[in-house]
N, C-alpha and C. Protein backbone atom coordinates (compact mmCIF):
# COMPACT_ATOMS: atom_id res chain seq x y z
N MET A 1 0.84 -1.18 0.00
CA MET A 1 0.00 0.00 0.00
C MET A 1 0.88 1.24 0.00
N SER A 2 0.87 1.92 -1.11
CA SER A 2 1.63 3.15 -1.24
C SER A 2 1.11 3.89 -2.46
N ILE A 3 1.04 5.19 -2.34
CA ILE A 3 0.57 6.01 -3.45
C ILE A 3 1.79 6.62 -4.12
N GLU A 4 1.84 6.47 -5.42
CA GLU A 4 2.93 7.06 -6.18
C GLU A 4 2.47 8.39 -6.75
N LEU A 5 3.23 9.43 -6.45
CA LEU A 5 2.89 10.75 -6.97
C LEU A 5 3.34 10.83 -8.42
N ASP A 6 2.36 10.89 -9.30
CA ASP A 6 2.66 11.02 -10.73
C ASP A 6 1.67 12.01 -11.34
N GLU A 7 1.72 12.15 -12.62
CA GLU A 7 0.88 13.13 -13.32
C GLU A 7 -0.61 12.89 -13.07
N SER A 8 -0.99 11.65 -12.80
CA SER A 8 -2.42 11.37 -12.60
C SER A 8 -2.96 12.03 -11.34
N LEU A 9 -2.09 12.42 -10.42
CA LEU A 9 -2.53 13.08 -9.19
C LEU A 9 -2.47 14.60 -9.29
N LEU A 10 -2.11 15.10 -10.46
CA LEU A 10 -2.06 16.54 -10.66
C LEU A 10 -3.31 16.97 -11.43
N VAL A 11 -3.87 18.11 -11.01
CA VAL A 11 -5.12 18.56 -11.61
C VAL A 11 -4.96 19.82 -12.44
N GLY A 12 -3.75 20.35 -12.50
CA GLY A 12 -3.51 21.53 -13.33
C GLY A 12 -3.80 22.85 -12.64
N HIS A 13 -3.87 22.84 -11.32
CA HIS A 13 -4.02 24.07 -10.56
C HIS A 13 -2.92 24.09 -9.51
N GLU A 14 -2.15 25.16 -9.50
CA GLU A 14 -0.94 25.24 -8.69
C GLU A 14 -1.18 24.95 -7.20
N VAL A 15 -2.19 25.55 -6.63
CA VAL A 15 -2.47 25.40 -5.19
C VAL A 15 -2.88 23.96 -4.87
N ILE A 16 -3.80 23.42 -5.65
CA ILE A 16 -4.28 22.07 -5.40
C ILE A 16 -3.16 21.06 -5.63
N ASP A 17 -2.40 21.24 -6.70
CA ASP A 17 -1.31 20.31 -6.98
C ASP A 17 -0.24 20.34 -5.90
N LYS A 18 0.07 21.51 -5.37
CA LYS A 18 1.06 21.59 -4.29
C LYS A 18 0.55 20.83 -3.07
N ASP A 19 -0.72 21.01 -2.76
CA ASP A 19 -1.29 20.28 -1.63
C ASP A 19 -1.20 18.78 -1.84
N HIS A 20 -1.52 18.31 -3.04
CA HIS A 20 -1.45 16.88 -3.31
C HIS A 20 -0.01 16.38 -3.15
N ARG A 21 0.95 17.17 -3.63
CA ARG A 21 2.36 16.78 -3.46
C ARG A 21 2.73 16.68 -1.98
N ASP A 22 2.17 17.56 -1.17
CA ASP A 22 2.45 17.55 0.27
C ASP A 22 1.71 16.43 1.00
N LEU A 23 0.50 16.10 0.53
CA LEU A 23 -0.32 15.10 1.21
C LEU A 23 0.12 13.67 0.93
N VAL A 24 0.57 13.39 -0.29
CA VAL A 24 0.92 12.01 -0.65
C VAL A 24 1.96 11.40 0.30
N PRO A 25 3.05 12.09 0.61
CA PRO A 25 4.00 11.47 1.55
C PRO A 25 3.40 11.20 2.93
N LEU A 26 2.53 12.08 3.39
CA LEU A 26 1.88 11.86 4.69
C LEU A 26 0.96 10.64 4.66
N VAL A 27 0.21 10.50 3.57
CA VAL A 27 -0.66 9.34 3.43
C VAL A 27 0.20 8.07 3.39
N ASN A 28 1.31 8.13 2.67
CA ASN A 28 2.19 6.96 2.58
C ASN A 28 2.80 6.58 3.92
N VAL A 29 3.16 7.57 4.73
CA VAL A 29 3.67 7.28 6.08
C VAL A 29 2.59 6.57 6.89
N PHE A 30 1.38 7.06 6.80
CA PHE A 30 0.26 6.45 7.51
C PHE A 30 0.05 5.01 7.05
N LEU A 31 0.03 4.78 5.74
CA LEU A 31 -0.17 3.44 5.21
C LEU A 31 0.97 2.51 5.64
N ALA A 32 2.19 3.02 5.64
CA ALA A 32 3.33 2.21 6.07
C ALA A 32 3.24 1.88 7.55
N SER A 33 2.75 2.82 8.34
CA SER A 33 2.59 2.57 9.78
C SER A 33 1.62 1.43 10.03
N ILE A 34 0.53 1.41 9.28
CA ILE A 34 -0.45 0.33 9.41
C ILE A 34 0.19 -0.99 9.01
N LYS A 35 0.90 -0.97 7.88
CA LYS A 35 1.49 -2.19 7.35
C LYS A 35 2.48 -2.81 8.34
N LYS A 36 3.25 -1.97 9.01
CA LYS A 36 4.25 -2.52 9.93
C LYS A 36 3.71 -2.72 11.34
N GLY A 37 2.42 -2.49 11.53
CA GLY A 37 1.79 -2.74 12.82
C GLY A 37 2.16 -1.73 13.90
N ALA A 38 2.23 -0.48 13.53
CA ALA A 38 2.59 0.57 14.49
C ALA A 38 1.60 0.60 15.65
N GLY A 39 2.05 1.07 16.76
CA GLY A 39 1.20 1.18 17.93
C GLY A 39 0.12 2.23 17.74
N LYS A 40 -0.92 2.11 18.58
CA LYS A 40 -2.07 2.99 18.39
C LYS A 40 -1.72 4.46 18.63
N HIS A 41 -0.76 4.76 19.50
CA HIS A 41 -0.41 6.16 19.72
C HIS A 41 0.23 6.76 18.47
N SER A 42 1.05 5.98 17.80
CA SER A 42 1.65 6.43 16.55
C SER A 42 0.57 6.65 15.50
N LEU A 43 -0.39 5.72 15.45
CA LEU A 43 -1.48 5.85 14.47
C LEU A 43 -2.35 7.06 14.78
N TYR A 44 -2.61 7.31 16.06
CA TYR A 44 -3.37 8.50 16.44
C TYR A 44 -2.66 9.75 15.95
N ASP A 45 -1.34 9.78 16.15
CA ASP A 45 -0.56 10.94 15.71
C ASP A 45 -0.64 11.10 14.19
N ASP A 46 -0.50 9.98 13.47
CA ASP A 46 -0.57 10.03 12.00
C ASP A 46 -1.93 10.55 11.53
N VAL A 47 -3.00 10.00 12.11
CA VAL A 47 -4.35 10.40 11.69
C VAL A 47 -4.61 11.85 12.08
N ASP A 48 -4.13 12.25 13.23
CA ASP A 48 -4.30 13.64 13.65
C ASP A 48 -3.62 14.58 12.65
N GLU A 49 -2.39 14.26 12.28
CA GLU A 49 -1.67 15.09 11.31
C GLU A 49 -2.38 15.09 9.96
N LEU A 50 -2.83 13.91 9.51
CA LEU A 50 -3.56 13.84 8.25
C LEU A 50 -4.84 14.66 8.30
N SER A 51 -5.56 14.58 9.40
CA SER A 51 -6.81 15.33 9.53
C SER A 51 -6.56 16.83 9.43
N VAL A 52 -5.52 17.29 10.10
CA VAL A 52 -5.18 18.72 10.06
C VAL A 52 -4.80 19.14 8.64
N LYS A 53 -3.94 18.35 8.00
CA LYS A 53 -3.47 18.70 6.65
C LYS A 53 -4.59 18.62 5.63
N PHE A 54 -5.42 17.56 5.72
CA PHE A 54 -6.54 17.45 4.80
C PHE A 54 -7.54 18.58 5.02
N SER A 55 -7.80 18.92 6.27
CA SER A 55 -8.74 20.01 6.56
C SER A 55 -8.25 21.32 5.95
N ALA A 56 -6.96 21.61 6.07
CA ALA A 56 -6.40 22.83 5.49
C ALA A 56 -6.51 22.79 3.96
N HIS A 57 -6.21 21.64 3.38
CA HIS A 57 -6.33 21.48 1.93
C HIS A 57 -7.79 21.68 1.49
N PHE A 58 -8.70 21.05 2.22
CA PHE A 58 -10.11 21.17 1.87
C PHE A 58 -10.58 22.62 2.00
N GLU A 59 -10.08 23.33 2.99
CA GLU A 59 -10.46 24.73 3.15
C GLU A 59 -9.98 25.56 1.97
N ARG A 60 -8.76 25.29 1.48
CA ARG A 60 -8.27 26.01 0.30
C ARG A 60 -9.15 25.70 -0.91
N GLU A 61 -9.50 24.43 -1.08
CA GLU A 61 -10.39 24.09 -2.19
C GLU A 61 -11.75 24.77 -2.02
N ASN A 62 -12.27 24.77 -0.80
CA ASN A 62 -13.56 25.42 -0.54
C ASN A 62 -13.53 26.89 -0.93
N GLN A 63 -12.44 27.57 -0.59
CA GLN A 63 -12.30 28.98 -0.94
C GLN A 63 -12.28 29.18 -2.45
N LEU A 64 -11.56 28.31 -3.14
CA LEU A 64 -11.52 28.40 -4.61
C LEU A 64 -12.90 28.16 -5.21
N MET A 65 -13.60 27.16 -4.69
CA MET A 65 -14.94 26.87 -5.21
C MET A 65 -15.88 28.04 -4.98
N ALA A 66 -15.80 28.66 -3.83
CA ALA A 66 -16.66 29.81 -3.54
C ALA A 66 -16.28 31.00 -4.41
N GLU A 67 -14.99 31.26 -4.50
CA GLU A 67 -14.51 32.42 -5.28
C GLU A 67 -14.92 32.32 -6.75
N PHE A 68 -14.83 31.11 -7.30
CA PHE A 68 -15.10 30.94 -8.73
C PHE A 68 -16.48 30.34 -9.00
N ARG A 69 -17.30 30.30 -7.96
CA ARG A 69 -18.69 29.83 -8.08
C ARG A 69 -18.78 28.48 -8.78
N TYR A 70 -18.04 27.54 -8.25
CA TYR A 70 -18.00 26.19 -8.81
C TYR A 70 -19.38 25.54 -8.70
N PRO A 71 -19.95 25.09 -9.81
CA PRO A 71 -21.34 24.59 -9.79
C PRO A 71 -21.53 23.28 -9.02
N ASP A 72 -20.48 22.51 -8.81
CA ASP A 72 -20.61 21.22 -8.13
C ASP A 72 -20.06 21.28 -6.69
N THR A 73 -20.12 22.46 -6.10
CA THR A 73 -19.54 22.67 -4.78
C THR A 73 -20.13 21.75 -3.72
N GLN A 74 -21.43 21.63 -3.66
CA GLN A 74 -22.06 20.86 -2.58
C GLN A 74 -21.62 19.39 -2.60
N ALA A 75 -21.57 18.79 -3.77
CA ALA A 75 -21.13 17.39 -3.87
C ALA A 75 -19.66 17.26 -3.47
N HIS A 76 -18.85 18.22 -3.88
CA HIS A 76 -17.43 18.19 -3.54
C HIS A 76 -17.25 18.32 -2.03
N LEU A 77 -17.98 19.23 -1.42
CA LEU A 77 -17.91 19.41 0.03
C LEU A 77 -18.35 18.15 0.77
N ALA A 78 -19.35 17.47 0.25
CA ALA A 78 -19.83 16.23 0.88
C ALA A 78 -18.74 15.16 0.86
N GLU A 79 -17.96 15.11 -0.21
CA GLU A 79 -16.86 14.15 -0.27
C GLU A 79 -15.80 14.48 0.78
N HIS A 80 -15.50 15.75 0.94
CA HIS A 80 -14.53 16.16 1.96
C HIS A 80 -15.01 15.75 3.35
N LYS A 81 -16.26 16.02 3.61
CA LYS A 81 -16.84 15.69 4.91
C LYS A 81 -16.78 14.18 5.16
N ALA A 82 -17.01 13.40 4.13
CA ALA A 82 -16.98 11.93 4.26
C ALA A 82 -15.59 11.44 4.65
N LEU A 83 -14.56 11.99 4.03
CA LEU A 83 -13.21 11.54 4.37
C LEU A 83 -12.86 11.91 5.81
N LEU A 84 -13.16 13.11 6.21
CA LEU A 84 -12.87 13.51 7.59
C LEU A 84 -13.65 12.64 8.57
N GLY A 85 -14.86 12.26 8.20
CA GLY A 85 -15.64 11.33 9.02
C GLY A 85 -14.98 9.96 9.10
N ASP A 86 -14.40 9.51 7.98
CA ASP A 86 -13.70 8.22 7.98
C ASP A 86 -12.50 8.26 8.91
N PHE A 87 -11.80 9.38 8.95
CA PHE A 87 -10.68 9.50 9.89
C PHE A 87 -11.19 9.37 11.33
N GLY A 88 -12.30 10.01 11.62
CA GLY A 88 -12.88 9.93 12.95
C GLY A 88 -13.27 8.51 13.31
N LYS A 89 -13.90 7.80 12.37
CA LYS A 89 -14.28 6.40 12.60
C LYS A 89 -13.03 5.55 12.82
N PHE A 90 -11.99 5.84 12.04
CA PHE A 90 -10.76 5.08 12.18
C PHE A 90 -10.21 5.24 13.60
N LEU A 91 -10.18 6.46 14.09
CA LEU A 91 -9.66 6.70 15.44
C LEU A 91 -10.49 5.97 16.49
N GLN A 92 -11.79 5.94 16.31
CA GLN A 92 -12.65 5.25 17.27
C GLN A 92 -12.43 3.74 17.24
N ALA A 93 -12.10 3.20 16.06
CA ALA A 93 -11.98 1.75 15.90
C ALA A 93 -10.59 1.22 16.20
N VAL A 94 -9.59 2.08 16.26
CA VAL A 94 -8.21 1.63 16.41
C VAL A 94 -8.01 0.71 17.61
N ASP A 95 -8.63 1.02 18.71
CA ASP A 95 -8.40 0.24 19.92
C ASP A 95 -8.83 -1.22 19.78
N ASP A 96 -9.92 -1.46 19.08
CA ASP A 96 -10.47 -2.80 19.01
C ASP A 96 -10.33 -3.48 17.65
N ALA A 97 -9.77 -2.78 16.68
CA ALA A 97 -9.72 -3.31 15.32
C ALA A 97 -8.70 -4.43 15.18
N THR A 98 -9.07 -5.41 14.37
CA THR A 98 -8.12 -6.46 14.02
C THR A 98 -7.19 -5.92 12.95
N ASP A 99 -6.11 -6.64 12.70
CA ASP A 99 -5.19 -6.23 11.64
C ASP A 99 -5.91 -6.14 10.30
N ASP A 100 -6.78 -7.11 10.03
CA ASP A 100 -7.51 -7.11 8.76
C ASP A 100 -8.43 -5.90 8.66
N GLU A 101 -9.08 -5.53 9.75
CA GLU A 101 -9.95 -4.36 9.75
C GLU A 101 -9.13 -3.08 9.55
N MET A 102 -7.96 -3.03 10.15
CA MET A 102 -7.09 -1.86 9.97
C MET A 102 -6.67 -1.72 8.52
N VAL A 103 -6.28 -2.84 7.92
CA VAL A 103 -5.86 -2.82 6.52
C VAL A 103 -7.03 -2.41 5.63
N ALA A 104 -8.21 -2.94 5.90
CA ALA A 104 -9.39 -2.60 5.09
C ALA A 104 -9.71 -1.12 5.21
N THR A 105 -9.61 -0.57 6.41
CA THR A 105 -9.90 0.85 6.61
C THR A 105 -8.90 1.71 5.87
N THR A 106 -7.63 1.39 6.00
CA THR A 106 -6.61 2.19 5.32
C THR A 106 -6.74 2.06 3.81
N LYS A 107 -7.11 0.87 3.35
CA LYS A 107 -7.31 0.68 1.91
C LYS A 107 -8.45 1.57 1.42
N SER A 108 -9.52 1.69 2.22
CA SER A 108 -10.64 2.53 1.80
C SER A 108 -10.23 4.00 1.77
N ILE A 109 -9.39 4.43 2.71
CA ILE A 109 -8.92 5.82 2.72
C ILE A 109 -8.03 6.07 1.50
N GLU A 110 -7.14 5.12 1.21
CA GLU A 110 -6.27 5.25 0.04
C GLU A 110 -7.11 5.32 -1.24
N GLU A 111 -8.10 4.43 -1.37
CA GLU A 111 -8.95 4.43 -2.55
C GLU A 111 -9.76 5.72 -2.66
N TRP A 112 -10.26 6.21 -1.52
CA TRP A 112 -11.01 7.46 -1.53
C TRP A 112 -10.14 8.58 -2.07
N PHE A 113 -8.93 8.68 -1.55
CA PHE A 113 -8.00 9.74 -1.94
C PHE A 113 -7.77 9.71 -3.45
N LEU A 114 -7.46 8.55 -3.98
CA LEU A 114 -7.17 8.43 -5.41
C LEU A 114 -8.42 8.70 -6.26
N LYS A 115 -9.56 8.17 -5.83
CA LYS A 115 -10.81 8.38 -6.57
C LYS A 115 -11.21 9.85 -6.54
N HIS A 116 -11.06 10.49 -5.39
CA HIS A 116 -11.43 11.90 -5.27
C HIS A 116 -10.58 12.76 -6.19
N ILE A 117 -9.29 12.50 -6.22
CA ILE A 117 -8.41 13.28 -7.10
C ILE A 117 -8.76 13.03 -8.56
N ALA A 118 -8.90 11.76 -8.93
CA ALA A 118 -9.15 11.41 -10.33
C ALA A 118 -10.51 11.92 -10.82
N GLY A 119 -11.45 12.08 -9.93
CA GLY A 119 -12.77 12.53 -10.33
C GLY A 119 -13.03 13.97 -9.96
N SER A 120 -13.39 14.19 -8.72
CA SER A 120 -13.83 15.51 -8.26
C SER A 120 -12.76 16.58 -8.39
N ASP A 121 -11.54 16.28 -7.97
CA ASP A 121 -10.49 17.30 -8.04
C ASP A 121 -10.09 17.61 -9.48
N LYS A 122 -10.09 16.59 -10.35
CA LYS A 122 -9.78 16.83 -11.76
C LYS A 122 -10.84 17.75 -12.38
N ARG A 123 -12.11 17.49 -12.05
CA ARG A 123 -13.17 18.34 -12.58
C ARG A 123 -13.04 19.77 -12.05
N LEU A 124 -12.72 19.90 -10.77
CA LEU A 124 -12.52 21.23 -10.19
C LEU A 124 -11.34 21.93 -10.86
N GLY A 125 -10.24 21.22 -11.04
CA GLY A 125 -9.06 21.80 -11.70
C GLY A 125 -9.38 22.29 -13.10
N GLN A 126 -10.13 21.48 -13.85
CA GLN A 126 -10.53 21.86 -15.20
C GLN A 126 -11.38 23.13 -15.17
N TYR A 127 -12.33 23.16 -14.26
CA TYR A 127 -13.21 24.33 -14.13
C TYR A 127 -12.39 25.58 -13.79
N LEU A 128 -11.46 25.45 -12.85
CA LEU A 128 -10.64 26.61 -12.45
C LEU A 128 -9.76 27.09 -13.61
N ARG A 129 -9.22 26.15 -14.40
CA ARG A 129 -8.43 26.54 -15.57
C ARG A 129 -9.29 27.28 -16.59
N GLU A 130 -10.52 26.80 -16.79
CA GLU A 130 -11.43 27.46 -17.73
C GLU A 130 -11.78 28.86 -17.25
N GLN A 131 -12.00 29.02 -15.95
CA GLN A 131 -12.32 30.34 -15.41
C GLN A 131 -11.13 31.28 -15.55
N ALA A 132 -9.92 30.77 -15.32
CA ALA A 132 -8.71 31.60 -15.47
C ALA A 132 -8.54 32.04 -16.91
N ALA A 133 -8.82 31.13 -17.85
CA ALA A 133 -8.72 31.47 -19.27
C ALA A 133 -9.72 32.55 -19.65
N LYS A 134 -10.92 32.51 -19.08
CA LYS A 134 -11.94 33.51 -19.37
C LYS A 134 -11.52 34.89 -18.88
N THR A 135 -10.89 34.94 -17.71
CA THR A 135 -10.49 36.23 -17.16
C THR A 135 -9.29 36.80 -17.92
N LYS A 136 -8.47 35.93 -18.53
CA LYS A 136 -7.33 36.41 -19.32
C LYS A 136 -7.77 36.86 -20.70
N GLY A 137 -8.83 36.21 -21.19
CA GLY A 137 -9.27 36.45 -22.56
C GLY A 137 -10.08 37.65 -22.67
């Protein structure tokens, strides 16, 4: 379990792409911690850091969506809320989770991250590029 930062994770918007570059290593540290059976305190720290970083990233995206009146804002915001909720569920389950449950949870977070970028963030990036082109033209 590891995410490789490549062109598929870039959406063509400087702010969003920088955030993705910063988030991927943190997600990979978290996934590696799970794989090697890190203690729950280490996992709490990892999830706490991820929650803070994702929240900041989501806030930047939220500001961009509001500023440029992104038509799919509500659906995008719902996806952000879902991931943060998954982090919360993960923290609640850490104490009693089996190794298999931990792996399944981290796999779902990894899949969410990749799916969100490939779908929602790509669409947002395209929209922001189109809006920038309109203001230049």
